[in-house]
Amino acid sequence: MTPAAKRNAVAHLRTSLEVSERRACAMIAADRSSIRYRSIRPDDTGLRARLRELADQRRRFGYRRLHVLVRQEGYIVNRKKTQRLYREEGLTVRRRKSRRRIAVTRTPIPLATVPNSRWSVDFVHDQLANGRRFRVLNVIDDVTKECLAAIPDTSISGKRVVREMRAIIERRGRPGTIVSDNGTEFTSTAVLGFTQELTLDWRYIAPGKPTQNAMAESFQGRMRDECLNEHLFFSMGHVRAVIAAWRADFNTARPHSSLGYRTPAAYAASLKPQWPSPVHSIDGSAPMAIAHVAQTRKSHPTIPVARG
């Protein structure tokens, strides 16, 4: 029996049999000091209320991420206490059932060690309340875990992919490697010409093996679980507003377990000295072209071929 159960038993014996505390303790072999003990725990009403508020705002967060958030707000509490209060308040996240998939062999990919060394690109699909489908083009930095772009639209062609990638590169710099699947948008003539123009190392995963693009799959699982499944979209304007807000929250407020429960923006800030500085032209302050064609001794141009 637990001490609490013994205290209840002694109280019941004293009430029903009208015996003394000493006699009741002797009947159930309970220590009188434990029966007289009164809890000196501090009042956790405020912490419990804040945990419920955070769990209501971020319904797919577990106790570990909620613990990071309450610590950032100034609450002095260790992880085990947060877990106990989380369990007592009934805030446990219900796991969504997923389809059983065939196990595949993981293929090793080049190790990314600094920001911009590898980007993962992929699409995630959803639909509006009226049944009209849309898709979101996601671009993720594999090292900082930042979502560099999340562009929703009803149709995104290869030319649109090139336009969005150009905008990201102009803002952030050229990546070392880009990883994607073999979708028609990524294997189109527009993308092949774009990779040849900027000499990009665009890698394609093996057909039917999405685990080779694990970073994009993981990110899109979080996006679907925490954003897409949590909202009912009524228009593309509504979709763009919700996804933009969620992307900003993901980069600047959401703790990431693989980054030591830091946000991607905070982790990226600590690595910024390692980022390549922008290159300026000799004649003026305008930035030079993102990439230059390497000079070779061949007099004939080569045919664009996608690397994969």
C-alpha atoms as a PDB file:
ATOM      1  CA  MET A   1       0.000   0.000   0.000  1.00  0.00           C
ATOM      2  CA  THR A   2       1.156   3.519  -0.717  1.00  0.00           C
ATOM      3  CA  PRO A   3       1.438   6.060   2.143  1.00  0.00           C
ATOM      4  CA  ALA A   4      -1.606   7.889   0.792  1.00  0.00           C
ATOM      5  CA  ALA A   5      -3.640   4.658   0.783  1.00  0.00           C
ATOM      6  CA  LYS A   6      -2.563   3.906   4.368  1.00  0.00           C
ATOM      7  CA  ARG A   7      -3.636   7.394   5.477  1.00  0.00           C
ATOM      8  CA  ASN A   8      -7.039   6.815   3.935  1.00  0.00           C
ATOM      9  CA  ALA A   9      -7.301   3.398   5.615  1.00  0.00           C
ATOM     10  CA  VAL A  10      -6.465   4.817   9.044  1.00  0.00           C
ATOM     11  CA  ALA A  11      -9.014   7.594   8.606  1.00  0.00           C
ATOM     12  CA  HIS A  12     -11.645   5.019   7.628  1.00  0.00           C
ATOM     13  CA  LEU A  13     -10.879   2.787  10.656  1.00  0.00           C
ATOM     14  CA  ARG A  14     -11.035   5.707  13.072  1.00  0.00           C
ATOM     15  CA  THR A  15     -14.384   6.821  11.673  1.00  0.00           C
ATOM     16  CA  SER A  16     -16.077   3.429  11.287  1.00  0.00           C
ATOM     17  CA  LEU A  17     -14.707   1.636  14.415  1.00  0.00           C
ATOM     18  CA  GLU A  18     -14.233   4.719  16.589  1.00  0.00           C
ATOM     19  CA  VAL A  19     -10.704   3.701  17.605  1.00  0.00           C
ATOM     20  CA  SER A  20      -7.662   5.835  18.329  1.00  0.00           C
ATOM     21  CA  GLU A  21      -4.995   6.677  15.779  1.00  0.00           C
ATOM     22  CA  ARG A  22      -2.496   4.422  17.599  1.00  0.00           C
ATOM     23  CA  ARG A  23      -4.896   1.439  17.458  1.00  0.00           C
ATOM     24  CA  ALA A  24      -5.763   2.022  13.808  1.00  0.00           C
ATOM     25  CA  CYS A  25      -2.085   2.200  12.854  1.00  0.00           C
ATOM     26  CA  ALA A  26      -1.366  -1.038  14.743  1.00  0.00           C
ATOM     27  CA  MET A  27      -4.207  -2.819  12.932  1.00  0.00           C
ATOM     28  CA  ILE A  28      -2.724  -2.180   9.474  1.00  0.00           C
ATOM     29  CA  ALA A  29       0.966  -1.975  10.532  1.00  0.00           C
ATOM     30  CA  ALA A  30       1.286   1.668   9.525  1.00  0.00           C
ATOM     31  CA  ASP A  31       3.890   4.084  10.871  1.00  0.00           C
ATOM     32  CA  ARG A  32       2.255   6.920  12.788  1.00  0.00           C
ATOM     33  CA  SER A  33       4.805   9.448  11.464  1.00  0.00           C
ATOM     34  CA  SER A  34       3.780   8.696   7.875  1.00  0.00           C
ATOM     35  CA  ILE A  35       0.097   8.963   8.841  1.00  0.00           C
ATOM     36  CA  ARG A  36       0.654  12.396  10.360  1.00  0.00           C
ATOM     37  CA  TYR A  37       2.754  13.637   7.445  1.00  0.00           C
ATOM     38  CA  ARG A  38       1.404  16.668   5.601  1.00  0.00           C
ATOM     39  CA  SER A  39       2.732  17.572   2.181  1.00  0.00           C
ATOM     40  CA  ILE A  40       4.961  20.637   1.985  1.00  0.00           C
ATOM     41  CA  ARG A  41       5.010  20.773  -1.827  1.00  0.00           C
ATOM     42  CA  PRO A  42       4.623  24.290  -3.235  1.00  0.00           C
ATOM     43  CA  ASP A  43       1.386  25.202  -4.944  1.00  0.00           C
ATOM     44  CA  ASP A  44       1.713  24.309  -8.640  1.00  0.00           C
ATOM     45  CA  THR A  45      -1.600  25.793  -9.716  1.00  0.00           C
ATOM     46  CA  GLY A  46       0.022  28.420 -11.939  1.00  0.00           C
ATOM     47  CA  LEU A  47       2.385  25.928 -13.570  1.00  0.00           C
ATOM     48  CA  ARG A  48      -0.431  23.445 -14.181  1.00  0.00           C
ATOM     49  CA  ALA A  49      -2.569  26.175 -15.746  1.00  0.00           C
ATOM     50  CA  ARG A  50       0.301  27.274 -17.999  1.00  0.00           C
ATOM     51  CA  LEU A  51       0.986  23.695 -19.086  1.00  0.00           C
ATOM     52  CA  ARG A  52      -2.677  23.303 -20.026  1.00  0.00           C
ATOM     53  CA  GLU A  53      -2.578  26.560 -22.013  1.00  0.00           C
ATOM     54  CA  LEU A  54       0.566  25.558 -23.902  1.00  0.00           C
ATOM     55  CA  ALA A  55      -0.774  22.061 -24.546  1.00  0.00           C
ATOM     56  CA  ASP A  56      -3.978  23.609 -25.914  1.00  0.00           C
ATOM     57  CA  GLN A  57      -2.015  25.932 -28.204  1.00  0.00           C
ATOM     58  CA  ARG A  58       0.392  23.210 -29.360  1.00  0.00           C
ATOM     59  CA  ARG A  59      -1.662  20.063 -29.181  1.00  0.00           C
ATOM     60  CA  ARG A  60       0.967  17.833 -30.770  1.00  0.00           C
ATOM     61  CA  PHE A  61       3.789  18.786 -28.347  1.00  0.00           C
ATOM     62  CA  GLY A  62       4.924  16.247 -25.759  1.00  0.00           C
ATOM     63  CA  TYR A  63       6.099  17.011 -22.235  1.00  0.00           C
ATOM     64  CA  ARG A  64       9.735  17.480 -23.274  1.00  0.00           C
ATOM     65  CA  ARG A  65       9.022  20.412 -25.596  1.00  0.00           C
ATOM     66  CA  LEU A  66       6.489  21.850 -23.164  1.00  0.00           C
ATOM     67  CA  HIS A  67       9.169  21.626 -20.467  1.00  0.00           C
ATOM     68  CA  VAL A  68      11.531  23.688 -22.633  1.00  0.00           C
ATOM     69  CA  LEU A  69       8.824  26.313 -23.187  1.00  0.00           C
ATOM     70  CA  VAL A  70       7.906  26.703 -19.494  1.00  0.00           C
ATOM     71  CA  ARG A  71      11.599  26.915 -18.557  1.00  0.00           C
ATOM     72  CA  GLN A  72      12.026  29.687 -21.129  1.00  0.00           C
ATOM     73  CA  GLU A  73       9.171  31.549 -19.462  1.00  0.00           C
ATOM     74  CA  GLY A  74      10.991  31.541 -16.107  1.00  0.00           C
ATOM     75  CA  TYR A  75       9.445  28.567 -14.266  1.00  0.00           C
ATOM     76  CA  ILE A  76      12.014  26.750 -12.118  1.00  0.00           C
ATOM     77  CA  VAL A  77      11.089  23.098 -12.613  1.00  0.00           C
ATOM     78  CA  ASN A  78      12.964  19.953 -13.602  1.00  0.00           C
ATOM     79  CA  ARG A  79      11.963  17.592 -16.374  1.00  0.00           C
ATOM     80  CA  LYS A  80      10.586  14.862 -14.090  1.00  0.00           C
ATOM     81  CA  LYS A  81       8.224  17.251 -12.349  1.00  0.00           C
ATOM     82  CA  THR A  82       7.000  18.561 -15.697  1.00  0.00           C
ATOM     83  CA  GLN A  83       6.398  14.965 -16.782  1.00  0.00           C
ATOM     84  CA  ARG A  84       4.449  14.218 -13.584  1.00  0.00           C
ATOM     85  CA  LEU A  85       2.235  17.293 -13.897  1.00  0.00           C
ATOM     86  CA  TYR A  86       1.807  16.603 -17.610  1.00  0.00           C
ATOM     87  CA  ARG A  87       0.590  13.088 -16.826  1.00  0.00           C
ATOM     88  CA  GLU A  88      -1.622  14.144 -13.909  1.00  0.00           C
ATOM     89  CA  GLU A  89      -3.328  16.790 -16.064  1.00  0.00           C
ATOM     90  CA  GLY A  90      -4.104  14.197 -18.742  1.00  0.00           C
ATOM     91  CA  LEU A  91      -2.216  16.024 -21.498  1.00  0.00           C
ATOM     92  CA  THR A  92      -0.650  12.951 -23.118  1.00  0.00           C
ATOM     93  CA  VAL A  93      -0.637  13.232 -26.902  1.00  0.00           C
ATOM     94  CA  ARG A  94      -2.726  10.629 -28.655  1.00  0.00           C
ATOM     95  CA  ARG A  95      -0.659   8.868 -31.275  1.00  0.00           C
ATOM     96  CA  ARG A  96      -2.169   8.841 -34.737  1.00  0.00           C
ATOM     97  CA  LYS A  97      -2.188   5.466 -36.444  1.00  0.00           C
ATOM     98  CA  SER A  98      -0.169   5.262 -39.625  1.00  0.00           C
ATOM     99  CA  ARG A  99      -0.299   2.823 -42.474  1.00  0.00           C
ATOM    100  CA  ARG A 100       2.036  -0.145 -42.341  1.00  0.00           C
ATOM    101  CA  ARG A 101       4.797   0.350 -44.876  1.00  0.00           C
ATOM    102  CA  ILE A 102       7.279  -2.051 -46.399  1.00  0.00           C
ATOM    103  CA  ALA A 103      10.704  -1.784 -44.806  1.00  0.00           C
ATOM    104  CA  VAL A 104      13.362  -0.397 -47.142  1.00  0.00           C
ATOM    105  CA  THR A 105      17.134  -0.294 -46.943  1.00  0.00           C
ATOM    106  CA  ARG A 106      18.509   3.103 -45.971  1.00  0.00           C
ATOM    107  CA  THR A 107      20.958   4.501 -48.490  1.00  0.00           C
ATOM    108  CA  PRO A 108      23.730   6.691 -47.028  1.00  0.00           C
ATOM    109  CA  ILE A 109      23.862  10.259 -48.340  1.00  0.00           C
ATOM    110  CA  PRO A 110      26.705  12.786 -48.115  1.00  0.00           C
ATOM    111  CA  LEU A 111      27.168  14.148 -44.600  1.00  0.00           C
ATOM    112  CA  ALA A 112      26.086  17.762 -44.145  1.00  0.00           C
ATOM    113  CA  THR A 113      28.180  19.623 -41.562  1.00  0.00           C
ATOM    114  CA  VAL A 114      27.687  23.370 -42.148  1.00  0.00           C
ATOM    115  CA  PRO A 115      24.697  25.523 -43.163  1.00  0.00           C
ATOM    116  CA  ASN A 116      23.920  25.533 -46.887  1.00  0.00           C
ATOM    117  CA  SER A 117      25.832  22.300 -47.420  1.00  0.00           C
ATOM    118  CA  ARG A 118      22.639  20.392 -48.236  1.00  0.00           C
ATOM    119  CA  TRP A 119      19.014  21.366 -48.867  1.00  0.00           C
ATOM    120  CA  SER A 120      16.096  18.946 -49.030  1.00  0.00           C
ATOM    121  CA  VAL A 121      13.190  19.744 -51.363  1.00  0.00           C
ATOM    122  CA  ASP A 122       9.810  18.028 -51.569  1.00  0.00           C
ATOM    123  CA  PHE A 123       6.047  18.533 -51.876  1.00  0.00           C
ATOM    124  CA  VAL A 124       3.303  17.929 -49.314  1.00  0.00           C
ATOM    125  CA  HIS A 125      -0.357  17.734 -50.384  1.00  0.00           C
ATOM    126  CA  ASP A 126      -3.644  18.721 -48.732  1.00  0.00           C
ATOM    127  CA  GLN A 127      -7.072  20.034 -49.710  1.00  0.00           C
ATOM    128  CA  LEU A 128      -9.450  22.904 -48.976  1.00  0.00           C
ATOM    129  CA  ALA A 129     -12.811  22.543 -47.260  1.00  0.00           C
ATOM    130  CA  ASN A 130     -14.509  22.437 -50.691  1.00  0.00           C
ATOM    131  CA  GLY A 131     -12.354  19.491 -51.797  1.00  0.00           C
ATOM    132  CA  ARG A 132      -9.977  21.418 -54.051  1.00  0.00           C
ATOM    133  CA  ARG A 133      -6.446  20.073 -53.652  1.00  0.00           C
ATOM    134  CA  PHE A 134      -3.283  22.117 -53.185  1.00  0.00           C
ATOM    135  CA  ARG A 135       0.381  21.401 -52.619  1.00  0.00           C
ATOM    136  CA  VAL A 136       3.207  23.014 -50.663  1.00  0.00           C
ATOM    137  CA  LEU A 137       6.791  23.234 -51.907  1.00  0.00           C
ATOM    138  CA  ASN A 138       9.111  22.898 -48.893  1.00  0.00           C
ATOM    139  CA  VAL A 139      12.831  23.691 -48.831  1.00  0.00           C
ATOM    140  CA  ILE A 140      14.779  22.722 -45.682  1.00  0.00           C
ATOM    141  CA  ASP A 141      18.379  23.266 -44.624  1.00  0.00           C
ATOM    142  CA  ASP A 142      19.494  19.845 -43.336  1.00  0.00           C
ATOM    143  CA  VAL A 143      21.988  21.267 -40.808  1.00  0.00           C
ATOM    144  CA  THR A 144      20.111  24.153 -39.173  1.00  0.00           C
ATOM    145  CA  LYS A 145      16.692  22.457 -39.695  1.00  0.00           C
ATOM    146  CA  GLU A 146      15.338  25.819 -40.932  1.00  0.00           C
ATOM    147  CA  CYS A 147      12.399  25.862 -43.296  1.00  0.00           C
ATOM    148  CA  LEU A 148      13.810  28.138 -45.998  1.00  0.00           C
ATOM    149  CA  ALA A 149      10.518  28.263 -47.898  1.00  0.00           C
ATOM    150  CA  ALA A 150       7.014  26.821 -47.758  1.00  0.00           C
ATOM    151  CA  ILE A 151       5.153  27.865 -50.913  1.00  0.00           C
ATOM    152  CA  PRO A 152       1.515  26.694 -51.198  1.00  0.00           C
ATOM    153  CA  ASP A 153      -0.428  26.769 -54.467  1.00  0.00           C
ATOM    154  CA  THR A 154      -2.899  24.712 -56.443  1.00  0.00           C
ATOM    155  CA  SER A 155      -0.315  24.025 -59.156  1.00  0.00           C
ATOM    156  CA  ILE A 156       3.485  24.311 -59.007  1.00  0.00           C
ATOM    157  CA  SER A 157       5.347  23.566 -62.227  1.00  0.00           C
ATOM    158  CA  GLY A 158       9.051  23.086 -62.874  1.00  0.00           C
ATOM    159  CA  LYS A 159       9.369  26.733 -63.920  1.00  0.00           C
ATOM    160  CA  ARG A 160       7.785  27.822 -60.634  1.00  0.00           C
ATOM    161  CA  VAL A 161      10.237  25.611 -58.740  1.00  0.00           C
ATOM    162  CA  VAL A 162      13.137  27.312 -60.546  1.00  0.00           C
ATOM    163  CA  ARG A 163      11.751  30.772 -59.784  1.00  0.00           C
ATOM    164  CA  GLU A 164      11.369  30.011 -56.079  1.00  0.00           C
ATOM    165  CA  MET A 165      14.796  28.373 -55.845  1.00  0.00           C
ATOM    166  CA  ARG A 166      16.404  31.397 -57.485  1.00  0.00           C
ATOM    167  CA  ALA A 167      14.786  33.672 -54.903  1.00  0.00           C
ATOM    168  CA  ILE A 168      16.077  31.524 -52.024  1.00  0.00           C
ATOM    169  CA  ILE A 169      19.598  31.372 -53.471  1.00  0.00           C
ATOM    170  CA  GLU A 170      19.710  35.145 -53.980  1.00  0.00           C
ATOM    171  CA  ARG A 171      18.682  35.609 -50.361  1.00  0.00           C
ATOM    172  CA  ARG A 172      20.781  32.881 -48.714  1.00  0.00           C
ATOM    173  CA  GLY A 173      23.518  31.785 -51.106  1.00  0.00           C
ATOM    174  CA  ARG A 174      24.150  28.726 -53.252  1.00  0.00           C
ATOM    175  CA  PRO A 175      23.821  25.313 -51.530  1.00  0.00           C
ATOM    176  CA  GLY A 176      26.395  22.571 -51.773  1.00  0.00           C
ATOM    177  CA  THR A 177      23.820  19.860 -52.607  1.00  0.00           C
ATOM    178  CA  ILE A 178      20.078  19.742 -53.240  1.00  0.00           C
ATOM    179  CA  VAL A 179      18.241  16.456 -52.594  1.00  0.00           C
ATOM    180  CA  SER A 180      14.819  15.662 -54.067  1.00  0.00           C
ATOM    181  CA  ASP A 181      12.741  12.821 -55.429  1.00  0.00           C
ATOM    182  CA  ASN A 182      12.178  12.043 -59.105  1.00  0.00           C
ATOM    183  CA  GLY A 183       8.950  14.020 -59.513  1.00  0.00           C
ATOM    184  CA  THR A 184       8.212  15.541 -62.893  1.00  0.00           C
ATOM    185  CA  GLU A 185       8.655  19.053 -61.480  1.00  0.00           C
ATOM    186  CA  PHE A 186      12.219  18.284 -60.354  1.00  0.00           C
ATOM    187  CA  THR A 187      13.235  16.422 -63.525  1.00  0.00           C
ATOM    188  CA  SER A 188      11.753  18.959 -65.949  1.00  0.00           C
ATOM    189  CA  THR A 189      13.781  20.756 -68.606  1.00  0.00           C
ATOM    190  CA  ALA A 190      13.511  23.992 -66.628  1.00  0.00           C
ATOM    191  CA  VAL A 191      15.163  22.460 -63.564  1.00  0.00           C
ATOM    192  CA  LEU A 192      17.841  20.695 -65.622  1.00  0.00           C
ATOM    193  CA  GLY A 193      18.738  23.962 -67.349  1.00  0.00           C
ATOM    194  CA  PHE A 194      18.744  25.762 -64.000  1.00  0.00           C
ATOM    195  CA  THR A 195      21.156  23.272 -62.402  1.00  0.00           C
ATOM    196  CA  GLN A 196      23.470  23.519 -65.417  1.00  0.00           C
ATOM    197  CA  GLU A 197      23.382  27.317 -65.381  1.00  0.00           C
ATOM    198  CA  LEU A 198      24.360  27.590 -61.700  1.00  0.00           C
ATOM    199  CA  THR A 199      26.422  24.351 -61.631  1.00  0.00           C
ATOM    200  CA  LEU A 200      24.239  23.016 -58.821  1.00  0.00           C
ATOM    201  CA  ASP A 201      24.767  19.531 -57.419  1.00  0.00           C
ATOM    202  CA  TRP A 202      21.142  18.311 -57.570  1.00  0.00           C
ATOM    203  CA  ARG A 203      20.848  14.723 -56.315  1.00  0.00           C
ATOM    204  CA  TYR A 204      17.825  12.486 -56.978  1.00  0.00           C
ATOM    205  CA  ILE A 205      16.892   9.668 -54.615  1.00  0.00           C
ATOM    206  CA  ALA A 206      16.255   6.143 -55.873  1.00  0.00           C
ATOM    207  CA  PRO A 207      12.668   5.653 -57.101  1.00  0.00           C
ATOM    208  CA  GLY A 208      10.349   4.361 -54.387  1.00  0.00           C
ATOM    209  CA  LYS A 209      12.783   5.082 -51.533  1.00  0.00           C
ATOM    210  CA  PRO A 210      11.659   8.253 -49.745  1.00  0.00           C
ATOM    211  CA  THR A 211      13.865   7.433 -46.739  1.00  0.00           C
ATOM    212  CA  GLN A 212      16.830   8.633 -48.802  1.00  0.00           C
ATOM    213  CA  ASN A 213      15.273  12.093 -48.436  1.00  0.00           C
ATOM    214  CA  ALA A 214      14.622  11.575 -44.730  1.00  0.00           C
ATOM    215  CA  MET A 215      15.006  15.228 -43.709  1.00  0.00           C
ATOM    216  CA  ALA A 216      12.167  16.368 -45.972  1.00  0.00           C
ATOM    217  CA  GLU A 217       9.979  13.433 -44.916  1.00  0.00           C
ATOM    218  CA  SER A 218      10.523  14.225 -41.229  1.00  0.00           C
ATOM    219  CA  PHE A 219       9.786  17.918 -41.695  1.00  0.00           C
ATOM    220  CA  GLN A 220       6.631  17.241 -43.676  1.00  0.00           C
ATOM    221  CA  GLY A 221       5.437  14.835 -41.008  1.00  0.00           C
ATOM    222  CA  ARG A 222       5.747  17.661 -38.471  1.00  0.00           C
ATOM    223  CA  MET A 223       3.994  20.095 -40.815  1.00  0.00           C
ATOM    224  CA  ARG A 224       1.096  17.723 -41.408  1.00  0.00           C
ATOM    225  CA  ASP A 225       0.789  16.778 -37.726  1.00  0.00           C
ATOM    226  CA  GLU A 226       1.106  20.275 -36.236  1.00  0.00           C
ATOM    227  CA  CYS A 227      -0.309  22.494 -38.994  1.00  0.00           C
ATOM    228  CA  LEU A 228      -2.248  20.884 -41.836  1.00  0.00           C
ATOM    229  CA  ASN A 229      -4.208  18.423 -39.675  1.00  0.00           C
ATOM    230  CA  GLU A 230      -4.982  21.147 -37.128  1.00  0.00           C
ATOM    231  CA  HIS A 231      -6.722  23.552 -39.525  1.00  0.00           C
ATOM    232  CA  LEU A 232      -9.672  23.539 -41.896  1.00  0.00           C
ATOM    233  CA  PHE A 233      -8.723  25.678 -44.896  1.00  0.00           C
ATOM    234  CA  PHE A 234     -11.358  27.690 -46.751  1.00  0.00           C
ATOM    235  CA  SER A 235      -9.278  29.501 -49.408  1.00  0.00           C
ATOM    236  CA  MET A 236      -5.726  29.716 -50.737  1.00  0.00           C
ATOM    237  CA  GLY A 237      -5.340  33.042 -48.949  1.00  0.00           C
ATOM    238  CA  HIS A 238      -6.185  31.292 -45.696  1.00  0.00           C
ATOM    239  CA  VAL A 239      -3.675  28.526 -46.514  1.00  0.00           C
ATOM    240  CA  ARG A 240      -0.867  31.014 -47.221  1.00  0.00           C
ATOM    241  CA  ALA A 241      -1.511  32.956 -44.002  1.00  0.00           C
ATOM    242  CA  VAL A 242      -1.610  29.847 -41.780  1.00  0.00           C
ATOM    243  CA  ILE A 243       1.476  28.225 -43.342  1.00  0.00           C
ATOM    244  CA  ALA A 244       3.477  31.474 -43.211  1.00  0.00           C
ATOM    245  CA  ALA A 245       2.667  31.875 -39.508  1.00  0.00           C
ATOM    246  CA  TRP A 246       3.500  28.223 -38.786  1.00  0.00           C
ATOM    247  CA  ARG A 247       6.800  28.475 -40.702  1.00  0.00           C
ATOM    248  CA  ALA A 248       7.827  31.554 -38.691  1.00  0.00           C
ATOM    249  CA  ASP A 249       6.892  29.754 -35.471  1.00  0.00           C
ATOM    250  CA  PHE A 250       8.796  26.621 -36.563  1.00  0.00           C
ATOM    251  CA  ASN A 251      11.974  28.605 -37.251  1.00  0.00           C
ATOM    252  CA  THR A 252      11.923  30.974 -34.268  1.00  0.00           C
ATOM    253  CA  ALA A 253       9.848  29.449 -31.438  1.00  0.00           C
ATOM    254  CA  ARG A 254       9.555  25.658 -31.780  1.00  0.00           C
ATOM    255  CA  PRO A 255      12.277  23.765 -29.820  1.00  0.00           C
ATOM    256  CA  HIS A 256      13.974  21.084 -31.924  1.00  0.00           C
ATOM    257  CA  SER A 257      15.142  17.952 -30.126  1.00  0.00           C
ATOM    258  CA  SER A 258      18.071  17.263 -32.491  1.00  0.00           C
ATOM    259  CA  LEU A 259      19.384  20.792 -31.847  1.00  0.00           C
ATOM    260  CA  GLY A 260      19.431  20.390 -28.074  1.00  0.00           C
ATOM    261  CA  TYR A 261      15.916  21.824 -27.825  1.00  0.00           C
ATOM    262  CA  ARG A 262      17.020  25.080 -29.395  1.00  0.00           C
ATOM    263  CA  THR A 263      15.099  26.743 -32.187  1.00  0.00           C
ATOM    264  CA  PRO A 264      16.487  26.505 -35.746  1.00  0.00           C
ATOM    265  CA  ALA A 265      16.992  30.286 -35.810  1.00  0.00           C
ATOM    266  CA  ALA A 266      18.968  30.247 -32.543  1.00  0.00           C
ATOM    267  CA  TYR A 267      21.091  27.324 -33.736  1.00  0.00           C
ATOM    268  CA  ALA A 268      21.697  29.001 -37.102  1.00  0.00           C
ATOM    269  CA  ALA A 269      22.756  32.214 -35.334  1.00  0.00           C
ATOM    270  CA  SER A 270      25.470  30.308 -33.491  1.00  0.00           C
ATOM    271  CA  LEU A 271      26.765  28.934 -36.819  1.00  0.00           C
ATOM    272  CA  LYS A 272      26.558  32.148 -38.853  1.00  0.00           C
ATOM    273  CA  PRO A 273      30.313  32.849 -38.651  1.00  0.00           C
ATOM    274  CA  GLN A 274      30.780  29.645 -40.688  1.00  0.00           C
ATOM    275  CA  TRP A 275      28.506  30.818 -43.514  1.00  0.00           C
ATOM    276  CA  PRO A 276      30.165  32.037 -46.716  1.00  0.00           C
ATOM    277  CA  SER A 277      30.241  35.809 -46.967  1.00  0.00           C
ATOM    278  CA  PRO A 278      28.660  37.445 -50.030  1.00  0.00           C
ATOM    279  CA  VAL A 279      31.033  38.110 -52.932  1.00  0.00           C
ATOM    280  CA  HIS A 280      31.156  41.642 -54.374  1.00  0.00           C
ATOM    281  CA  SER A 281      32.444  42.735 -57.738  1.00  0.00           C
ATOM    282  CA  ILE A 282      35.718  44.609 -58.115  1.00  0.00           C
ATOM    283  CA  ASP A 283      34.218  47.559 -60.006  1.00  0.00           C
ATOM    284  CA  GLY A 284      31.385  48.314 -57.588  1.00  0.00           C
ATOM    285  CA  SER A 285      29.361  47.219 -54.608  1.00  0.00           C
ATOM    286  CA  ALA A 286      26.794  45.201 -56.583  1.00  0.00           C
ATOM    287  CA  PRO A 287      26.972  41.451 -55.880  1.00  0.00           C
ATOM    288  CA  MET A 288      28.497  39.255 -58.538  1.00  0.00           C
ATOM    289  CA  ALA A 289      26.670  36.383 -60.183  1.00  0.00           C
ATOM    290  CA  ILE A 290      25.832  33.480 -57.909  1.00  0.00           C
ATOM    291  CA  ALA A 291      27.827  30.984 -59.948  1.00  0.00           C
ATOM    292  CA  HIS A 292      30.283  31.176 -62.834  1.00  0.00           C
ATOM    293  CA  VAL A 293      30.910  28.647 -65.556  1.00  0.00           C
ATOM    294  CA  ALA A 294      34.287  27.048 -65.041  1.00  0.00           C
ATOM    295  CA  GLN A 295      36.741  27.630 -67.895  1.00  0.00           C
ATOM    296  CA  THR A 296      37.815  24.477 -69.686  1.00  0.00           C
ATOM    297  CA  ARG A 297      39.926  23.659 -72.742  1.00  0.00           C
ATOM    298  CA  LYS A 298      36.964  22.138 -74.564  1.00  0.00           C
ATOM    299  CA  SER A 299      35.706  24.231 -77.470  1.00  0.00           C
ATOM    300  CA  HIS A 300      32.337  22.496 -77.707  1.00  0.00           C
ATOM    301  CA  PRO A 301      29.580  23.061 -75.141  1.00  0.00           C
ATOM    302  CA  THR A 302      28.440  20.089 -73.108  1.00  0.00           C
ATOM    303  CA  ILE A 303      24.874  18.789 -73.051  1.00  0.00           C
ATOM    304  CA  PRO A 304      23.028  19.520 -69.764  1.00  0.00           C
ATOM    305  CA  VAL A 305      22.807  16.345 -67.703  1.00  0.00           C
ATOM    306  CA  ALA A 306      21.163  16.128 -64.270  1.00  0.00           C
ATOM    307  CA  ARG A 307      23.348  14.753 -61.547  1.00  0.00           C
ATOM    308  CA  GLY A 308      21.816  12.054 -59.422  1.00  0.00           C
END
